Full PDB file with SEQRES, HELIX, SHEET, SSBOND, CRYST1, ORIGX, SCALE, CONECT and MASTER records, all heavy atoms in Angstrom:
SEQRES   1 A   33  ARG GLY GLY ARG LYS ASP PHE THR TYR SER ARG LEU MET          
SEQRES   2 A   33  THR TRP VAL ALA PHE ASP ARG GLY ILE ARG LEU ALA THR          
SEQRES   3 A   33  GLU HIS ALA ARG PRO ALA ASP                                  
HELIX    1 AA1 THR A    8  HIS A   28  1                                  21    
CRYST1    1.000    1.000    1.000  90.00  90.00  90.00 P 1           1          
ORIGX1      1.000000  0.000000  0.000000        0.00000                         
ORIGX2      0.000000  1.000000  0.000000        0.00000                         
ORIGX3      0.000000  0.000000  1.000000        0.00000                         
SCALE1      1.000000  0.000000  0.000000        0.00000                         
SCALE2      0.000000  1.000000  0.000000        0.00000                         
SCALE3      0.000000  0.000000  1.000000        0.00000                         
ATOM      1  N   ARG A   1      90.055  17.433 -11.336  1.00  0.00           N  
ATOM      2  CA  ARG A   1      88.999  16.550 -10.854  1.00  0.00           C  
ATOM      3  C   ARG A   1      87.625  17.155 -11.175  1.00  0.00           C  
ATOM      4  O   ARG A   1      86.689  17.089 -10.397  1.00  0.00           O  
ATOM      5  CB  ARG A   1      89.189  16.284  -9.361  1.00  0.00           C  
ATOM      6  CG  ARG A   1      90.561  15.662  -9.081  1.00  0.00           C  
ATOM      7  CD  ARG A   1      90.742  15.085  -7.707  1.00  0.00           C  
ATOM      8  NE  ARG A   1      92.068  14.483  -7.564  1.00  0.00           N  
ATOM      9  CZ  ARG A   1      92.466  13.743  -6.536  1.00  0.00           C  
ATOM     10  NH1 ARG A   1      91.638  13.503  -5.535  1.00  0.00           N  
ATOM     11  NH2 ARG A   1      93.686  13.239  -6.487  1.00  0.00           N  
ATOM     12  N   GLY A   2      87.567  17.773 -12.356  1.00  0.00           N  
ATOM     13  CA  GLY A   2      86.334  18.418 -12.789  1.00  0.00           C  
ATOM     14  C   GLY A   2      85.694  17.769 -14.000  1.00  0.00           C  
ATOM     15  O   GLY A   2      84.878  18.378 -14.679  1.00  0.00           O  
ATOM     16  N   GLY A   3      86.069  16.519 -14.288  1.00  0.00           N  
ATOM     17  CA  GLY A   3      85.463  15.814 -15.410  1.00  0.00           C  
ATOM     18  C   GLY A   3      86.381  15.766 -16.619  1.00  0.00           C  
ATOM     19  O   GLY A   3      87.301  16.578 -16.771  1.00  0.00           O  
ATOM     20  N   ARG A   4      86.119  14.805 -17.492  1.00  0.00           N  
ATOM     21  CA  ARG A   4      86.952  14.611 -18.664  1.00  0.00           C  
ATOM     22  C   ARG A   4      86.593  15.590 -19.784  1.00  0.00           C  
ATOM     23  O   ARG A   4      85.435  15.951 -19.963  1.00  0.00           O  
ATOM     24  CB  ARG A   4      86.815  13.165 -19.161  1.00  0.00           C  
ATOM     25  CG  ARG A   4      87.372  12.150 -18.176  1.00  0.00           C  
ATOM     26  CD  ARG A   4      87.237  10.720 -18.674  1.00  0.00           C  
ATOM     27  NE  ARG A   4      87.823   9.785 -17.710  1.00  0.00           N  
ATOM     28  CZ  ARG A   4      87.846   8.484 -17.840  1.00  0.00           C  
ATOM     29  NH1 ARG A   4      87.283   7.926 -18.931  1.00  0.00           N  
ATOM     30  NH2 ARG A   4      88.395   7.708 -16.926  1.00  0.00           N  
ATOM     31  N   LYS A   5      87.638  15.980 -20.520  1.00  0.00           N  
ATOM     32  CA  LYS A   5      87.465  16.892 -21.645  1.00  0.00           C  
ATOM     33  C   LYS A   5      88.404  16.464 -22.767  1.00  0.00           C  
ATOM     34  O   LYS A   5      89.308  15.652 -22.564  1.00  0.00           O  
ATOM     35  CB  LYS A   5      87.786  18.336 -21.223  1.00  0.00           C  
ATOM     36  CG  LYS A   5      86.900  18.890 -20.118  1.00  0.00           C  
ATOM     37  CD  LYS A   5      87.334  20.299 -19.717  1.00  0.00           C  
ATOM     38  CE  LYS A   5      86.487  20.838 -18.580  1.00  0.00           C  
ATOM     39  NZ  LYS A   5      86.921  22.185 -18.136  1.00  0.00           N  
ATOM     40  N   ASP A   6      88.198  17.045 -23.928  1.00  0.00           N  
ATOM     41  CA  ASP A   6      89.110  16.824 -25.054  1.00  0.00           C  
ATOM     42  C   ASP A   6      90.241  17.840 -24.948  1.00  0.00           C  
ATOM     43  O   ASP A   6      90.168  18.944 -25.495  1.00  0.00           O  
ATOM     44  CB  ASP A   6      88.367  16.979 -26.384  1.00  0.00           C  
ATOM     45  CG  ASP A   6      87.400  15.839 -26.630  1.00  0.00           C  
ATOM     46  OD1 ASP A   6      87.828  14.682 -26.553  1.00  0.00           O  
ATOM     47  OD2 ASP A   6      86.210  16.113 -26.887  1.00  0.00           O  
ATOM     48  N   PHE A   7      91.288  17.461 -24.231  1.00  0.00           N  
ATOM     49  CA  PHE A   7      92.403  18.373 -23.990  1.00  0.00           C  
ATOM     50  C   PHE A   7      93.355  18.375 -25.185  1.00  0.00           C  
ATOM     51  O   PHE A   7      93.757  17.314 -25.684  1.00  0.00           O  
ATOM     52  CB  PHE A   7      93.171  17.976 -22.727  1.00  0.00           C  
ATOM     53  CG  PHE A   7      92.446  18.303 -21.451  1.00  0.00           C  
ATOM     54  CD1 PHE A   7      91.779  17.324 -20.746  1.00  0.00           C  
ATOM     55  CD2 PHE A   7      92.439  19.605 -20.964  1.00  0.00           C  
ATOM     56  CE1 PHE A   7      91.112  17.628 -19.560  1.00  0.00           C  
ATOM     57  CE2 PHE A   7      91.776  19.916 -19.786  1.00  0.00           C  
ATOM     58  CZ  PHE A   7      91.110  18.934 -19.090  1.00  0.00           C  
ATOM     59  N   THR A   8      93.738  19.567 -25.606  1.00  0.00           N  
ATOM     60  CA  THR A   8      94.640  19.696 -26.748  1.00  0.00           C  
ATOM     61  C   THR A   8      95.994  19.069 -26.458  1.00  0.00           C  
ATOM     62  O   THR A   8      96.590  18.427 -27.332  1.00  0.00           O  
ATOM     63  CB  THR A   8      94.810  21.179 -27.122  1.00  0.00           C  
ATOM     64  OG1 THR A   8      93.520  21.764 -27.342  1.00  0.00           O  
ATOM     65  CG2 THR A   8      95.652  21.344 -28.372  1.00  0.00           C  
ATOM     66  N   TYR A   9      96.494  19.228 -25.232  1.00  0.00           N  
ATOM     67  CA  TYR A   9      97.801  18.648 -24.908  1.00  0.00           C  
ATOM     68  C   TYR A   9      97.761  17.132 -25.013  1.00  0.00           C  
ATOM     69  O   TYR A   9      98.721  16.511 -25.491  1.00  0.00           O  
ATOM     70  CB  TYR A   9      98.254  19.076 -23.516  1.00  0.00           C  
ATOM     71  CG  TYR A   9      99.589  18.481 -23.130  1.00  0.00           C  
ATOM     72  CD1 TYR A   9     100.773  19.041 -23.615  1.00  0.00           C  
ATOM     73  CD2 TYR A   9      99.675  17.355 -22.322  1.00  0.00           C  
ATOM     74  CE1 TYR A   9     102.003  18.491 -23.296  1.00  0.00           C  
ATOM     75  CE2 TYR A   9     100.901  16.791 -21.999  1.00  0.00           C  
ATOM     76  CZ  TYR A   9     102.066  17.363 -22.484  1.00  0.00           C  
ATOM     77  OH  TYR A   9     103.283  16.814 -22.179  1.00  0.00           O  
ATOM     78  N   SER A  10      96.680  16.523 -24.580  1.00  0.00           N  
ATOM     79  CA  SER A  10      96.569  15.071 -24.686  1.00  0.00           C  
ATOM     80  C   SER A  10      96.613  14.625 -26.151  1.00  0.00           C  
ATOM     81  O   SER A  10      97.259  13.629 -26.505  1.00  0.00           O  
ATOM     82  CB  SER A  10      95.275  14.586 -24.028  1.00  0.00           C  
ATOM     83  OG  SER A  10      95.285  14.858 -22.636  1.00  0.00           O  
ATOM     84  N   ARG A  11      95.931  15.382 -27.025  1.00  0.00           N  
ATOM     85  CA  ARG A  11      95.980  15.055 -28.449  1.00  0.00           C  
ATOM     86  C   ARG A  11      97.388  15.263 -29.006  1.00  0.00           C  
ATOM     87  O   ARG A  11      97.878  14.468 -29.821  1.00  0.00           O  
ATOM     88  CB  ARG A  11      94.991  15.920 -29.224  1.00  0.00           C  
ATOM     89  CG  ARG A  11      93.542  15.648 -28.915  1.00  0.00           C  
ATOM     90  CD  ARG A  11      93.145  14.208 -29.296  1.00  0.00           C  
ATOM     91  NE  ARG A  11      91.706  14.069 -29.311  1.00  0.00           N  
ATOM     92  CZ  ARG A  11      90.962  13.808 -28.232  1.00  0.00           C  
ATOM     93  NH1 ARG A  11      91.557  13.639 -27.061  1.00  0.00           N  
ATOM     94  NH2 ARG A  11      89.646  13.707 -28.316  1.00  0.00           N  
ATOM     95  N   LEU A  12      98.028  16.352 -28.599  1.00  0.00           N  
ATOM     96  CA  LEU A  12      99.400  16.608 -29.046  1.00  0.00           C  
ATOM     97  C   LEU A  12     100.297  15.413 -28.763  1.00  0.00           C  
ATOM     98  O   LEU A  12     101.061  14.965 -29.630  1.00  0.00           O  
ATOM     99  CB  LEU A  12      99.945  17.853 -28.337  1.00  0.00           C  
ATOM    100  CG  LEU A  12     101.464  18.076 -28.434  1.00  0.00           C  
ATOM    101  CD1 LEU A  12     101.850  18.479 -29.845  1.00  0.00           C  
ATOM    102  CD2 LEU A  12     101.921  19.127 -27.420  1.00  0.00           C  
ATOM    103  N   MET A  13     100.185  14.877 -27.558  1.00  0.00           N  
ATOM    104  CA  MET A  13     101.090  13.798 -27.185  1.00  0.00           C  
ATOM    105  C   MET A  13     100.715  12.465 -27.814  1.00  0.00           C  
ATOM    106  O   MET A  13     101.574  11.606 -28.006  1.00  0.00           O  
ATOM    107  CB  MET A  13     101.175  13.685 -25.666  1.00  0.00           C  
ATOM    108  CG  MET A  13     101.754  14.932 -24.980  1.00  0.00           C  
ATOM    109  SD  MET A  13     103.310  15.526 -25.700  1.00  0.00           S  
ATOM    110  CE  MET A  13     104.404  14.154 -25.365  1.00  0.00           C  
ATOM    111  N   THR A  14      99.454  12.276 -28.172  1.00  0.00           N  
ATOM    112  CA  THR A  14      99.143  11.064 -28.938  1.00  0.00           C  
ATOM    113  C   THR A  14      99.734  11.187 -30.344  1.00  0.00           C  
ATOM    114  O   THR A  14     100.195  10.187 -30.918  1.00  0.00           O  
ATOM    115  CB  THR A  14      97.633  10.788 -29.005  1.00  0.00           C  
ATOM    116  OG1 THR A  14      96.937  11.943 -29.507  1.00  0.00           O  
ATOM    117  CG2 THR A  14      97.084  10.456 -27.634  1.00  0.00           C  
ATOM    118  N   TRP A  15      99.739  12.402 -30.883  1.00  0.00           N  
ATOM    119  CA  TRP A  15     100.440  12.627 -32.160  1.00  0.00           C  
ATOM    120  C   TRP A  15     101.915  12.268 -32.004  1.00  0.00           C  
ATOM    121  O   TRP A  15     102.507  11.612 -32.881  1.00  0.00           O  
ATOM    122  CB  TRP A  15     100.277  14.087 -32.593  1.00  0.00           C  
ATOM    123  CG  TRP A  15     101.042  14.422 -33.842  1.00  0.00           C  
ATOM    124  CD1 TRP A  15     100.619  14.299 -35.133  1.00  0.00           C  
ATOM    125  CD2 TRP A  15     102.391  14.910 -33.914  1.00  0.00           C  
ATOM    126  NE1 TRP A  15     101.602  14.675 -36.001  1.00  0.00           N  
ATOM    127  CE2 TRP A  15     102.703  15.064 -35.282  1.00  0.00           C  
ATOM    128  CE3 TRP A  15     103.351  15.240 -32.970  1.00  0.00           C  
ATOM    129  CZ2 TRP A  15     103.946  15.525 -35.720  1.00  0.00           C  
ATOM    130  CZ3 TRP A  15     104.591  15.700 -33.389  1.00  0.00           C  
ATOM    131  CH2 TRP A  15     104.883  15.845 -34.752  1.00  0.00           C  
ATOM    132  N   VAL A  16     102.521  12.676 -30.893  1.00  0.00           N  
ATOM    133  CA  VAL A  16     103.926  12.359 -30.635  1.00  0.00           C  
ATOM    134  C   VAL A  16     104.136  10.844 -30.586  1.00  0.00           C  
ATOM    135  O   VAL A  16     105.118  10.324 -31.123  1.00  0.00           O  
ATOM    136  CB  VAL A  16     104.402  13.010 -29.319  1.00  0.00           C  
ATOM    137  CG1 VAL A  16     105.772  12.479 -28.896  1.00  0.00           C  
ATOM    138  CG2 VAL A  16     104.445  14.527 -29.460  1.00  0.00           C  
ATOM    139  N   ALA A  17     103.222  10.134 -29.948  1.00  0.00           N  
ATOM    140  CA  ALA A  17     103.362   8.679 -29.845  1.00  0.00           C  
ATOM    141  C   ALA A  17     103.455   8.039 -31.229  1.00  0.00           C  
ATOM    142  O   ALA A  17     104.340   7.214 -31.495  1.00  0.00           O  
ATOM    143  CB  ALA A  17     102.184   8.098 -29.067  1.00  0.00           C  
ATOM    144  N   PHE A  18     102.534   8.417 -32.122  1.00  0.00           N  
ATOM    145  CA  PHE A  18     102.559   7.838 -33.464  1.00  0.00           C  
ATOM    146  C   PHE A  18     103.785   8.311 -34.252  1.00  0.00           C  
ATOM    147  O   PHE A  18     104.423   7.524 -34.960  1.00  0.00           O  
ATOM    148  CB  PHE A  18     101.271   8.194 -34.215  1.00  0.00           C  
ATOM    149  CG  PHE A  18     100.037   7.575 -33.628  1.00  0.00           C  
ATOM    150  CD1 PHE A  18      98.974   8.355 -33.211  1.00  0.00           C  
ATOM    151  CD2 PHE A  18      99.952   6.197 -33.483  1.00  0.00           C  
ATOM    152  CE1 PHE A  18      97.841   7.791 -32.661  1.00  0.00           C  
ATOM    153  CE2 PHE A  18      98.809   5.614 -32.930  1.00  0.00           C  
ATOM    154  CZ  PHE A  18      97.754   6.420 -32.517  1.00  0.00           C  
ATOM    155  N   ASP A  19     104.124   9.588 -34.117  1.00  0.00           N  
ATOM    156  CA  ASP A  19     105.276  10.132 -34.834  1.00  0.00           C  
ATOM    157  C   ASP A  19     106.561   9.410 -34.436  1.00  0.00           C  
ATOM    158  O   ASP A  19     107.353   9.008 -35.299  1.00  0.00           O  
ATOM    159  CB  ASP A  19     105.404  11.626 -34.537  1.00  0.00           C  
ATOM    160  CG  ASP A  19     106.644  12.235 -35.165  1.00  0.00           C  
ATOM    161  OD1 ASP A  19     106.613  12.480 -36.385  1.00  0.00           O  
ATOM    162  OD2 ASP A  19     107.634  12.455 -34.433  1.00  0.00           O  
ATOM    163  N   ARG A  20     106.779   9.216 -33.134  1.00  0.00           N  
ATOM    164  CA  ARG A  20     108.011   8.555 -32.682  1.00  0.00           C  
ATOM    165  C   ARG A  20     108.002   7.075 -33.061  1.00  0.00           C  
ATOM    166  O   ARG A  20     109.042   6.514 -33.428  1.00  0.00           O  
ATOM    167  CB  ARG A  20     108.176   8.704 -31.176  1.00  0.00           C  
ATOM    168  CG  ARG A  20     108.204  10.141 -30.653  1.00  0.00           C  
ATOM    169  CD  ARG A  20     109.235  11.037 -31.337  1.00  0.00           C  
ATOM    170  NE  ARG A  20     109.361  12.297 -30.624  1.00  0.00           N  
ATOM    171  CZ  ARG A  20     108.747  13.435 -30.935  1.00  0.00           C  
ATOM    172  NH1 ARG A  20     107.916  13.474 -31.981  1.00  0.00           N  
ATOM    173  NH2 ARG A  20     108.933  14.534 -30.221  1.00  0.00           N  
ATOM    174  N   GLY A  21     106.828   6.444 -32.979  1.00  0.00           N  
ATOM    175  CA  GLY A  21     106.754   5.045 -33.366  1.00  0.00           C  
ATOM    176  C   GLY A  21     107.096   4.835 -34.833  1.00  0.00           C  
ATOM    177  O   GLY A  21     107.844   3.924 -35.195  1.00  0.00           O  
ATOM    178  N   ILE A  22     106.543   5.693 -35.693  1.00  0.00           N  
ATOM    179  CA  ILE A  22     106.832   5.603 -37.126  1.00  0.00           C  
ATOM    180  C   ILE A  22     108.314   5.830 -37.378  1.00  0.00           C  
ATOM    181  O   ILE A  22     108.951   5.114 -38.174  1.00  0.00           O  
ATOM    182  CB  ILE A  22     105.975   6.632 -37.893  1.00  0.00           C  
ATOM    183  CG1 ILE A  22     104.488   6.259 -37.801  1.00  0.00           C  
ATOM    184  CG2 ILE A  22     106.426   6.737 -39.349  1.00  0.00           C  
ATOM    185  CD1 ILE A  22     103.556   7.369 -38.242  1.00  0.00           C  
ATOM    186  N   ARG A  23     108.881   6.800 -36.698  1.00  0.00           N  
ATOM    187  CA  ARG A  23     110.297   7.121 -36.885  1.00  0.00           C  
ATOM    188  C   ARG A  23     111.186   5.949 -36.464  1.00  0.00           C  
ATOM    189  O   ARG A  23     112.121   5.569 -37.175  1.00  0.00           O  
ATOM    190  CB  ARG A  23     110.644   8.367 -36.085  1.00  0.00           C  
ATOM    191  CG  ARG A  23     112.048   8.891 -36.324  1.00  0.00           C  
ATOM    192  CD  ARG A  23     112.330  10.092 -35.446  1.00  0.00           C  
ATOM    193  NE  ARG A  23     111.306  11.128 -35.586  1.00  0.00           N  
ATOM    194  CZ  ARG A  23     111.281  12.229 -34.837  1.00  0.00           C  
ATOM    195  NH1 ARG A  23     112.174  12.398 -33.866  1.00  0.00           N  
ATOM    196  NH2 ARG A  23     110.341  13.130 -35.024  1.00  0.00           N  
ATOM    197  N   LEU A  24     110.893   5.362 -35.286  1.00  0.00           N  
ATOM    198  CA  LEU A  24     111.699   4.246 -34.800  1.00  0.00           C  
ATOM    199  C   LEU A  24     111.589   3.032 -35.717  1.00  0.00           C  
ATOM    200  O   LEU A  24     112.586   2.369 -36.014  1.00  0.00           O  
ATOM    201  CB  LEU A  24     111.257   3.868 -33.378  1.00  0.00           C  
ATOM    202  CG  LEU A  24     111.677   4.815 -32.256  1.00  0.00           C  
ATOM    203  CD1 LEU A  24     110.929   4.469 -30.968  1.00  0.00           C  
ATOM    204  CD2 LEU A  24     113.183   4.753 -32.020  1.00  0.00           C  
ATOM    205  N   ALA A  25     110.365   2.734 -36.154  1.00  0.00           N  
ATOM    206  CA  ALA A  25     110.171   1.575 -37.036  1.00  0.00           C  
ATOM    207  C   ALA A  25     110.924   1.750 -38.347  1.00  0.00           C  
ATOM    208  O   ALA A  25     111.522   0.801 -38.875  1.00  0.00           O  
ATOM    209  CB  ALA A  25     108.681   1.372 -37.294  1.00  0.00           C  
ATOM    210  N   THR A  26     110.912   2.975 -38.877  1.00  0.00           N  
ATOM    211  CA  THR A  26     111.578   3.246 -40.150  1.00  0.00           C  
ATOM    212  C   THR A  26     113.092   3.205 -40.002  1.00  0.00           C  
ATOM    213  O   THR A  26     113.790   2.583 -40.814  1.00  0.00           O  
ATOM    214  CB  THR A  26     111.130   4.620 -40.688  1.00  0.00           C  
ATOM    215  OG1 THR A  26     109.706   4.639 -40.811  1.00  0.00           O  
ATOM    216  CG2 THR A  26     111.772   4.895 -42.032  1.00  0.00           C  
ATOM    217  N   GLU A  27     113.614   3.849 -38.967  1.00  0.00           N  
ATOM    218  CA  GLU A  27     115.061   3.935 -38.800  1.00  0.00           C  
ATOM    219  C   GLU A  27     115.691   2.584 -38.489  1.00  0.00           C  
ATOM    220  O   GLU A  27     116.831   2.319 -38.878  1.00  0.00           O  
ATOM    221  CB  GLU A  27     115.397   4.933 -37.688  1.00  0.00           C  
ATOM    222  CG  GLU A  27     115.102   6.380 -38.056  1.00  0.00           C  
ATOM    223  CD  GLU A  27     115.400   7.337 -36.912  1.00  0.00           C  
ATOM    224  OE1 GLU A  27     115.751   6.863 -35.808  1.00  0.00           O  
ATOM    225  OE2 GLU A  27     115.270   8.557 -37.117  1.00  0.00           O  
ATOM    226  N   HIS A  28     114.960   1.716 -37.767  1.00  0.00           N  
ATOM    227  CA  HIS A  28     115.544   0.457 -37.317  1.00  0.00           C  
ATOM    228  C   HIS A  28     114.931  -0.758 -38.002  1.00  0.00           C  
ATOM    229  O   HIS A  28     115.180  -1.892 -37.573  1.00  0.00           O  
ATOM    230  CB  HIS A  28     115.396   0.347 -35.792  1.00  0.00           C  
ATOM    231  CG  HIS A  28     116.048   1.468 -35.052  1.00  0.00           C  
ATOM    232  ND1 HIS A  28     117.414   1.597 -34.955  1.00  0.00           N  
ATOM    233  CD2 HIS A  28     115.526   2.536 -34.386  1.00  0.00           C  
ATOM    234  CE1 HIS A  28     117.712   2.682 -34.255  1.00  0.00           C  
ATOM    235  NE2 HIS A  28     116.584   3.274 -33.906  1.00  0.00           N  
ATOM    236  N   ALA A  29     114.141  -0.510 -39.046  1.00  0.00           N  
ATOM    237  CA  ALA A  29     113.552  -1.600 -39.840  1.00  0.00           C  
ATOM    238  C   ALA A  29     112.806  -2.587 -38.955  1.00  0.00           C  
ATOM    239  O   ALA A  29     112.969  -3.812 -39.083  1.00  0.00           O  
ATOM    240  CB  ALA A  29     114.645  -2.307 -40.647  1.00  0.00           C  
ATOM    241  N   ARG A  30     111.961  -2.035 -38.084  1.00  0.00           N  
ATOM    242  CA  ARG A  30     111.175  -2.883 -37.192  1.00  0.00           C  
ATOM    243  C   ARG A  30     109.805  -3.160 -37.811  1.00  0.00           C  
ATOM    244  O   ARG A  30     109.243  -2.311 -38.519  1.00  0.00           O  
ATOM    245  CB  ARG A  30     110.992  -2.201 -35.836  1.00  0.00           C  
ATOM    246  CG  ARG A  30     112.270  -1.925 -35.077  1.00  0.00           C  
ATOM    247  CD  ARG A  30     113.019  -3.183 -34.744  1.00  0.00           C  
ATOM    248  NE  ARG A  30     114.099  -2.943 -33.795  1.00  0.00           N  
ATOM    249  CZ  ARG A  30     115.113  -3.774 -33.608  1.00  0.00           C  
ATOM    250  NH1 ARG A  30     115.179  -4.895 -34.295  1.00  0.00           N  
ATOM    251  NH2 ARG A  30     116.055  -3.492 -32.724  1.00  0.00           N  
ATOM    252  N   PRO A  31     109.243  -4.324 -37.536  1.00  0.00           N  
ATOM    253  CA  PRO A  31     107.892  -4.612 -38.059  1.00  0.00           C  
ATOM    254  C   PRO A  31     106.860  -3.701 -37.412  1.00  0.00           C  
ATOM    255  O   PRO A  31     106.841  -3.533 -36.192  1.00  0.00           O  
ATOM    256  CB  PRO A  31     107.679  -6.076 -37.671  1.00  0.00           C  
ATOM    257  CG  PRO A  31     108.604  -6.317 -36.512  1.00  0.00           C  
ATOM    258  CD  PRO A  31     109.796  -5.447 -36.753  1.00  0.00           C  
ATOM    259  N   ALA A  32     105.993  -3.115 -38.234  1.00  0.00           N  
ATOM    260  CA  ALA A  32     104.981  -2.188 -37.720  1.00  0.00           C  
ATOM    261  C   ALA A  32     103.898  -2.004 -38.761  1.00  0.00           C  
ATOM    262  O   ALA A  32     104.141  -2.108 -39.971  1.00  0.00           O  
ATOM    263  CB  ALA A  32     105.621  -0.839 -37.388  1.00  0.00           C  
ATOM    264  N   ASP A  33     102.707  -1.697 -38.287  1.00  0.00           N  
ATOM    265  CA  ASP A  33     101.587  -1.399 -39.182  1.00  0.00           C  
ATOM    266  C   ASP A  33     101.669   0.090 -39.526  1.00  0.00           C  
ATOM    267  O   ASP A  33     100.875   0.913 -39.046  1.00  0.00           O  
ATOM    268  CB  ASP A  33     100.270  -1.737 -38.481  1.00  0.00           C  
ATOM    269  CG  ASP A  33      99.092  -1.737 -39.434  1.00  0.00           C  
ATOM    270  OD1 ASP A  33      99.227  -1.171 -40.537  1.00  0.00           O  
ATOM    271  OD2 ASP A  33      98.038  -2.279 -39.067  1.00  0.00           O  
TER     272      ASP A  33                                                      
MASTER        0    0    0    1    0    0    0    6  271    1    0    3          
END                                                                             
């Protein structure tokens, strides 16, 4: 509760979000940008 910052862990997990999304779309032939 000390204010917002650019946290490395938060960036790590946004990388995970895109990585898993790309993987799922590719493996299951789902429509995706």
